[in-house]
N, C-alpha and C. Protein backbone atom coordinates (compact mmCIF):
# COMPACT_ATOMS: atom_id res chain seq x y z
N MET A 1 -2.81 -2.25 -2.83
CA MET A 1 -3.41 -1.37 -3.80
C MET A 1 -2.40 -0.33 -4.27
N ALA A 2 -1.70 0.28 -3.34
CA ALA A 2 -0.78 1.36 -3.70
C ALA A 2 0.34 0.85 -4.59
N GLU A 3 0.90 -0.30 -4.26
CA GLU A 3 1.99 -0.86 -5.06
C GLU A 3 1.51 -1.10 -6.50
N ALA A 4 0.38 -1.75 -6.65
CA ALA A 4 -0.13 -2.08 -7.98
C ALA A 4 -0.44 -0.83 -8.79
N MET A 5 -1.05 0.17 -8.17
CA MET A 5 -1.37 1.40 -8.90
C MET A 5 -0.09 2.14 -9.30
N ALA A 6 0.85 2.23 -8.38
CA ALA A 6 2.10 2.93 -8.68
C ALA A 6 2.87 2.23 -9.79
N LYS A 7 2.89 0.91 -9.76
CA LYS A 7 3.59 0.16 -10.82
C LYS A 7 2.90 0.37 -12.16
N LYS A 8 1.58 0.45 -12.16
CA LYS A 8 0.87 0.70 -13.42
C LYS A 8 1.17 2.11 -13.92
N MET A 9 1.24 3.08 -13.02
CA MET A 9 1.48 4.46 -13.41
C MET A 9 2.91 4.69 -13.89
N PHE A 10 3.88 4.06 -13.22
CA PHE A 10 5.28 4.40 -13.46
C PHE A 10 6.12 3.28 -14.05
N GLY A 11 5.56 2.09 -14.17
CA GLY A 11 6.31 0.98 -14.75
C GLY A 11 7.63 0.76 -14.03
N THR A 12 8.71 0.73 -14.79
CA THR A 12 10.03 0.51 -14.20
C THR A 12 10.80 1.80 -13.94
N GLU A 13 10.14 2.95 -14.14
CA GLU A 13 10.80 4.23 -13.85
C GLU A 13 11.21 4.35 -12.39
N ILE A 14 10.39 3.79 -11.53
CA ILE A 14 10.59 3.87 -10.09
C ILE A 14 10.51 2.45 -9.53
N PHE A 15 11.46 2.08 -8.65
CA PHE A 15 11.35 0.79 -7.97
C PHE A 15 10.33 0.95 -6.85
N ILE A 16 9.34 0.09 -6.87
CA ILE A 16 8.26 0.16 -5.90
C ILE A 16 8.06 -1.21 -5.26
N ASP A 17 7.95 -1.22 -3.96
CA ASP A 17 7.67 -2.44 -3.23
C ASP A 17 6.76 -2.08 -2.07
N SER A 18 6.02 -3.03 -1.57
CA SER A 18 5.17 -2.74 -0.42
C SER A 18 5.20 -3.91 0.54
N VAL A 19 5.08 -3.57 1.80
CA VAL A 19 5.03 -4.58 2.85
C VAL A 19 4.00 -4.15 3.89
N GLY A 20 3.53 -5.13 4.64
CA GLY A 20 2.61 -4.87 5.73
C GLY A 20 3.31 -5.07 7.06
N ILE A 21 2.60 -4.81 8.12
CA ILE A 21 3.21 -4.91 9.45
C ILE A 21 2.82 -6.18 10.19
N HIS A 22 1.87 -6.92 9.66
CA HIS A 22 1.40 -8.11 10.36
C HIS A 22 2.03 -9.37 9.78
N ASP A 23 2.29 -10.34 10.64
CA ASP A 23 2.89 -11.60 10.21
C ASP A 23 1.86 -12.58 9.67
N ASP A 24 0.59 -12.29 9.86
CA ASP A 24 -0.45 -13.23 9.43
C ASP A 24 -0.84 -12.99 7.97
N LEU A 25 0.16 -12.75 7.15
CA LEU A 25 -0.10 -12.46 5.75
C LEU A 25 -0.25 -13.74 4.96
N GLY A 26 -1.20 -13.78 4.11
CA GLY A 26 -1.43 -14.94 3.26
C GLY A 26 -1.89 -14.47 1.91
N LYS A 27 -3.16 -14.62 1.66
CA LYS A 27 -3.73 -14.20 0.39
C LYS A 27 -4.22 -12.76 0.49
N ILE A 28 -4.29 -12.14 -0.66
CA ILE A 28 -4.79 -10.77 -0.72
C ILE A 28 -6.29 -10.76 -0.42
N ASN A 29 -6.75 -9.70 0.20
CA ASN A 29 -8.15 -9.56 0.55
C ASN A 29 -9.01 -9.55 -0.72
N PRO A 30 -10.07 -10.34 -0.77
CA PRO A 30 -10.91 -10.40 -1.97
C PRO A 30 -11.56 -9.07 -2.34
N PHE A 31 -11.82 -8.22 -1.35
CA PHE A 31 -12.38 -6.91 -1.65
C PHE A 31 -11.35 -6.03 -2.37
N THR A 32 -10.09 -6.20 -2.01
CA THR A 32 -9.02 -5.48 -2.71
C THR A 32 -8.99 -5.92 -4.17
N VAL A 33 -9.07 -7.22 -4.40
CA VAL A 33 -9.07 -7.74 -5.77
C VAL A 33 -10.24 -7.13 -6.55
N SER A 34 -11.41 -7.07 -5.95
CA SER A 34 -12.59 -6.55 -6.63
C SER A 34 -12.48 -5.08 -6.99
N VAL A 35 -12.05 -4.26 -6.04
CA VAL A 35 -11.98 -2.82 -6.35
C VAL A 35 -10.84 -2.49 -7.30
N MET A 36 -9.80 -3.29 -7.30
CA MET A 36 -8.72 -3.07 -8.26
C MET A 36 -9.15 -3.53 -9.66
N ASP A 37 -9.92 -4.61 -9.73
CA ASP A 37 -10.48 -5.04 -11.02
C ASP A 37 -11.32 -3.93 -11.65
N GLU A 38 -12.02 -3.18 -10.80
CA GLU A 38 -12.85 -2.09 -11.31
C GLU A 38 -12.06 -1.05 -12.09
N ILE A 39 -10.77 -0.91 -11.78
CA ILE A 39 -9.95 0.07 -12.49
C ILE A 39 -8.95 -0.62 -13.43
N GLY A 40 -9.19 -1.89 -13.70
CA GLY A 40 -8.38 -2.59 -14.69
C GLY A 40 -7.04 -3.09 -14.22
N ILE A 41 -6.87 -3.29 -12.92
CA ILE A 41 -5.60 -3.81 -12.39
C ILE A 41 -5.88 -5.14 -11.71
N ASP A 42 -5.20 -6.18 -12.20
CA ASP A 42 -5.37 -7.52 -11.65
C ASP A 42 -4.34 -7.74 -10.55
N VAL A 43 -4.81 -7.87 -9.32
CA VAL A 43 -3.91 -8.13 -8.19
C VAL A 43 -4.18 -9.51 -7.59
N SER A 44 -4.91 -10.33 -8.29
CA SER A 44 -5.34 -11.62 -7.74
C SER A 44 -4.18 -12.55 -7.41
N LYS A 45 -3.06 -12.38 -8.08
CA LYS A 45 -1.91 -13.25 -7.82
C LYS A 45 -0.90 -12.62 -6.86
N HIS A 46 -1.18 -11.41 -6.43
CA HIS A 46 -0.28 -10.73 -5.49
C HIS A 46 -0.29 -11.44 -4.14
N ARG A 47 0.85 -11.55 -3.53
CA ARG A 47 0.96 -12.12 -2.19
C ARG A 47 1.54 -11.07 -1.26
N PRO A 48 0.81 -10.71 -0.22
CA PRO A 48 1.31 -9.70 0.72
C PRO A 48 2.63 -10.13 1.35
N LYS A 49 3.46 -9.14 1.63
CA LYS A 49 4.75 -9.36 2.28
C LYS A 49 4.78 -8.56 3.58
N ASN A 50 5.77 -8.85 4.43
CA ASN A 50 5.93 -8.06 5.65
C ASN A 50 7.35 -7.51 5.73
N PHE A 51 7.62 -6.71 6.73
CA PHE A 51 8.93 -6.06 6.87
C PHE A 51 10.08 -7.06 6.88
N GLU A 52 9.84 -8.23 7.44
CA GLU A 52 10.90 -9.23 7.54
C GLU A 52 11.33 -9.77 6.18
N THR A 53 10.49 -9.60 5.16
CA THR A 53 10.82 -10.12 3.83
C THR A 53 11.59 -9.12 2.97
N LEU A 54 11.80 -7.93 3.49
CA LEU A 54 12.54 -6.93 2.71
C LEU A 54 13.98 -7.39 2.51
N ASN A 55 14.44 -7.37 1.28
CA ASN A 55 15.82 -7.75 0.98
C ASN A 55 16.73 -6.54 0.93
N ASP A 56 16.15 -5.37 0.85
CA ASP A 56 16.93 -4.16 0.68
C ASP A 56 16.36 -3.10 1.61
N SER A 57 17.22 -2.36 2.23
CA SER A 57 16.75 -1.28 3.10
C SER A 57 17.22 0.08 2.59
N SER A 58 17.68 0.13 1.36
CA SER A 58 18.19 1.38 0.80
C SER A 58 17.15 2.07 -0.08
N PHE A 59 16.08 2.48 0.54
CA PHE A 59 15.02 3.17 -0.18
C PHE A 59 15.20 4.68 -0.04
N ASP A 60 14.83 5.41 -1.08
CA ASP A 60 14.85 6.87 -1.02
C ASP A 60 13.64 7.40 -0.28
N LEU A 61 12.52 6.72 -0.44
CA LEU A 61 11.26 7.17 0.14
C LEU A 61 10.48 5.96 0.64
N VAL A 62 9.99 6.07 1.85
CA VAL A 62 9.09 5.07 2.41
C VAL A 62 7.81 5.79 2.76
N ILE A 63 6.69 5.26 2.28
CA ILE A 63 5.39 5.84 2.58
C ILE A 63 4.64 4.86 3.46
N THR A 64 4.16 5.33 4.58
CA THR A 64 3.43 4.48 5.51
C THR A 64 1.97 4.91 5.57
N LEU A 65 1.12 3.96 5.89
CA LEU A 65 -0.32 4.23 5.88
C LEU A 65 -0.96 4.12 7.26
N SER A 66 -0.21 3.61 8.24
CA SER A 66 -0.75 3.48 9.60
C SER A 66 0.31 3.96 10.59
N PRO A 67 -0.11 4.38 11.77
CA PRO A 67 0.86 4.82 12.77
C PRO A 67 1.87 3.73 13.11
N GLU A 68 1.41 2.49 13.24
CA GLU A 68 2.30 1.40 13.59
C GLU A 68 3.36 1.19 12.50
N ALA A 69 2.93 1.22 11.25
CA ALA A 69 3.88 1.07 10.14
C ALA A 69 4.85 2.25 10.09
N HIS A 70 4.35 3.43 10.40
CA HIS A 70 5.21 4.61 10.38
C HIS A 70 6.34 4.49 11.42
N HIS A 71 5.99 4.11 12.61
CA HIS A 71 7.01 3.94 13.65
C HIS A 71 8.01 2.85 13.27
N ARG A 72 7.51 1.78 12.70
CA ARG A 72 8.39 0.69 12.27
C ARG A 72 9.35 1.14 11.18
N ALA A 73 8.84 1.88 10.21
CA ALA A 73 9.68 2.37 9.12
C ALA A 73 10.73 3.35 9.63
N LEU A 74 10.34 4.24 10.53
CA LEU A 74 11.31 5.18 11.10
C LEU A 74 12.42 4.42 11.83
N ASP A 75 12.05 3.40 12.55
CA ASP A 75 13.04 2.60 13.26
C ASP A 75 13.99 1.90 12.29
N LEU A 76 13.46 1.33 11.23
CA LEU A 76 14.28 0.58 10.27
C LEU A 76 15.18 1.48 9.42
N THR A 77 14.79 2.72 9.25
CA THR A 77 15.56 3.61 8.38
C THR A 77 16.37 4.65 9.14
N ARG A 78 16.46 4.53 10.43
CA ARG A 78 17.10 5.58 11.24
C ARG A 78 18.57 5.82 10.89
N PHE A 79 19.24 4.84 10.31
CA PHE A 79 20.65 5.00 9.96
C PHE A 79 20.85 5.27 8.47
N TYR A 80 19.77 5.52 7.76
CA TYR A 80 19.83 5.74 6.31
C TYR A 80 19.31 7.13 5.97
N SER A 81 19.69 7.59 4.81
CA SER A 81 19.17 8.85 4.30
C SER A 81 17.89 8.55 3.53
N THR A 82 16.85 8.30 4.27
CA THR A 82 15.57 7.90 3.68
C THR A 82 14.48 8.82 4.18
N ASP A 83 13.67 9.33 3.27
CA ASP A 83 12.50 10.10 3.66
C ASP A 83 11.39 9.13 4.02
N VAL A 84 10.72 9.38 5.12
CA VAL A 84 9.59 8.56 5.55
C VAL A 84 8.38 9.48 5.68
N GLU A 85 7.35 9.18 4.91
CA GLU A 85 6.13 9.98 4.93
C GLU A 85 4.98 9.14 5.47
N TYR A 86 4.09 9.80 6.16
CA TYR A 86 2.91 9.13 6.69
C TYR A 86 1.68 9.67 5.98
N TRP A 87 0.96 8.79 5.32
CA TRP A 87 -0.31 9.13 4.70
C TRP A 87 -1.41 8.46 5.51
N PRO A 88 -2.03 9.16 6.44
CA PRO A 88 -3.07 8.53 7.28
C PRO A 88 -4.16 7.91 6.41
N THR A 89 -4.37 6.62 6.59
CA THR A 89 -5.31 5.88 5.74
C THR A 89 -6.19 5.00 6.62
N LEU A 90 -7.48 5.10 6.41
CA LEU A 90 -8.39 4.23 7.15
C LEU A 90 -8.20 2.79 6.69
N ASP A 91 -8.36 1.87 7.59
CA ASP A 91 -8.23 0.45 7.28
C ASP A 91 -9.59 -0.07 6.84
N PRO A 92 -9.75 -0.36 5.54
CA PRO A 92 -11.08 -0.78 5.07
C PRO A 92 -11.49 -2.15 5.57
N THR A 93 -10.55 -2.94 6.07
CA THR A 93 -10.90 -4.26 6.59
C THR A 93 -11.68 -4.16 7.90
N LYS A 94 -11.71 -2.99 8.49
CA LYS A 94 -12.46 -2.79 9.74
C LYS A 94 -13.92 -2.46 9.47
N GLU A 95 -14.26 -2.17 8.23
CA GLU A 95 -15.63 -1.82 7.86
C GLU A 95 -16.55 -3.03 8.03
N ARG A 96 -17.72 -2.79 8.55
CA ARG A 96 -18.72 -3.85 8.76
C ARG A 96 -20.00 -3.46 8.03
N GLY A 97 -20.86 -4.41 7.87
CA GLY A 97 -22.14 -4.13 7.22
C GLY A 97 -22.26 -4.91 5.93
N SER A 98 -23.02 -4.35 5.03
CA SER A 98 -23.30 -5.03 3.77
C SER A 98 -22.05 -5.07 2.89
N ARG A 99 -22.11 -5.92 1.88
CA ARG A 99 -21.00 -6.02 0.92
C ARG A 99 -20.74 -4.65 0.28
N GLU A 100 -21.82 -3.92 -0.03
CA GLU A 100 -21.65 -2.61 -0.66
C GLU A 100 -20.97 -1.61 0.28
N ASN A 101 -21.28 -1.67 1.58
CA ASN A 101 -20.59 -0.80 2.55
C ASN A 101 -19.09 -1.08 2.56
N ILE A 102 -18.77 -2.37 2.56
CA ILE A 102 -17.36 -2.76 2.60
C ILE A 102 -16.67 -2.36 1.29
N MET A 103 -17.32 -2.61 0.16
CA MET A 103 -16.74 -2.22 -1.13
C MET A 103 -16.53 -0.71 -1.18
N SER A 104 -17.45 0.03 -0.65
CA SER A 104 -17.32 1.49 -0.63
C SER A 104 -16.09 1.92 0.17
N ALA A 105 -15.86 1.27 1.29
CA ALA A 105 -14.69 1.59 2.11
C ALA A 105 -13.40 1.29 1.34
N PHE A 106 -13.35 0.15 0.66
CA PHE A 106 -12.18 -0.20 -0.13
C PHE A 106 -11.99 0.75 -1.30
N ARG A 107 -13.09 1.16 -1.94
CA ARG A 107 -12.99 2.12 -3.04
C ARG A 107 -12.45 3.46 -2.55
N SER A 108 -12.91 3.88 -1.39
CA SER A 108 -12.44 5.16 -0.84
C SER A 108 -10.93 5.14 -0.61
N VAL A 109 -10.44 4.04 -0.05
CA VAL A 109 -9.00 3.91 0.18
C VAL A 109 -8.26 3.88 -1.16
N ARG A 110 -8.76 3.09 -2.10
CA ARG A 110 -8.13 3.01 -3.43
C ARG A 110 -8.04 4.40 -4.06
N ASP A 111 -9.13 5.13 -4.07
CA ASP A 111 -9.15 6.44 -4.71
C ASP A 111 -8.27 7.45 -3.99
N TYR A 112 -8.26 7.39 -2.68
CA TYR A 112 -7.39 8.25 -1.88
C TYR A 112 -5.92 7.98 -2.22
N LEU A 113 -5.55 6.71 -2.23
CA LEU A 113 -4.16 6.36 -2.52
C LEU A 113 -3.77 6.72 -3.95
N GLU A 114 -4.67 6.52 -4.88
CA GLU A 114 -4.38 6.88 -6.26
C GLU A 114 -4.07 8.38 -6.38
N GLY A 115 -4.88 9.19 -5.73
CA GLY A 115 -4.64 10.64 -5.74
C GLY A 115 -3.33 11.01 -5.09
N LYS A 116 -3.03 10.41 -3.95
CA LYS A 116 -1.78 10.71 -3.24
C LYS A 116 -0.56 10.29 -4.07
N ILE A 117 -0.65 9.13 -4.72
CA ILE A 117 0.48 8.64 -5.53
C ILE A 117 0.72 9.59 -6.69
N LYS A 118 -0.34 9.98 -7.38
CA LYS A 118 -0.18 10.91 -8.51
C LYS A 118 0.41 12.23 -8.04
N GLN A 119 -0.09 12.74 -6.94
CA GLN A 119 0.38 14.02 -6.41
C GLN A 119 1.85 13.95 -6.00
N ARG A 120 2.23 12.89 -5.33
CA ARG A 120 3.58 12.80 -4.76
C ARG A 120 4.65 12.34 -5.76
N LEU A 121 4.29 11.41 -6.64
CA LEU A 121 5.32 10.79 -7.46
C LEU A 121 5.35 11.25 -8.92
N SER A 122 4.34 11.98 -9.36
CA SER A 122 4.34 12.44 -10.75
C SER A 122 5.33 13.59 -10.93
N ASN A 123 5.96 13.61 -12.05
CA ASN A 123 6.89 14.67 -12.49
C ASN A 123 7.90 14.06 -13.40
């Protein structure tokens, strides 16, 4: 979600990439596709990546959303002049209940990230 929103906001002004921490990456979560469609961003063809797929480690800023990802990013960037920020984010895939409960959790994460991206990267 964050990558797609940031790319829509900033285009090619800023190089943006995102990776996850799990190796069991395949297709994007259908709830992510749905909540991004609600704001006019098509992520249906996006394929999640992980840290091992990074071709470049020379980032100016790394933003992490979970403690595990934060520790991993700090470890990978320890020899670089890279800022690493942690934005604590609930994992909406852990939400249970009705479809609407799950969609609400995904919307909350989407809206939170959108606000953080605008706040941090706009100027």
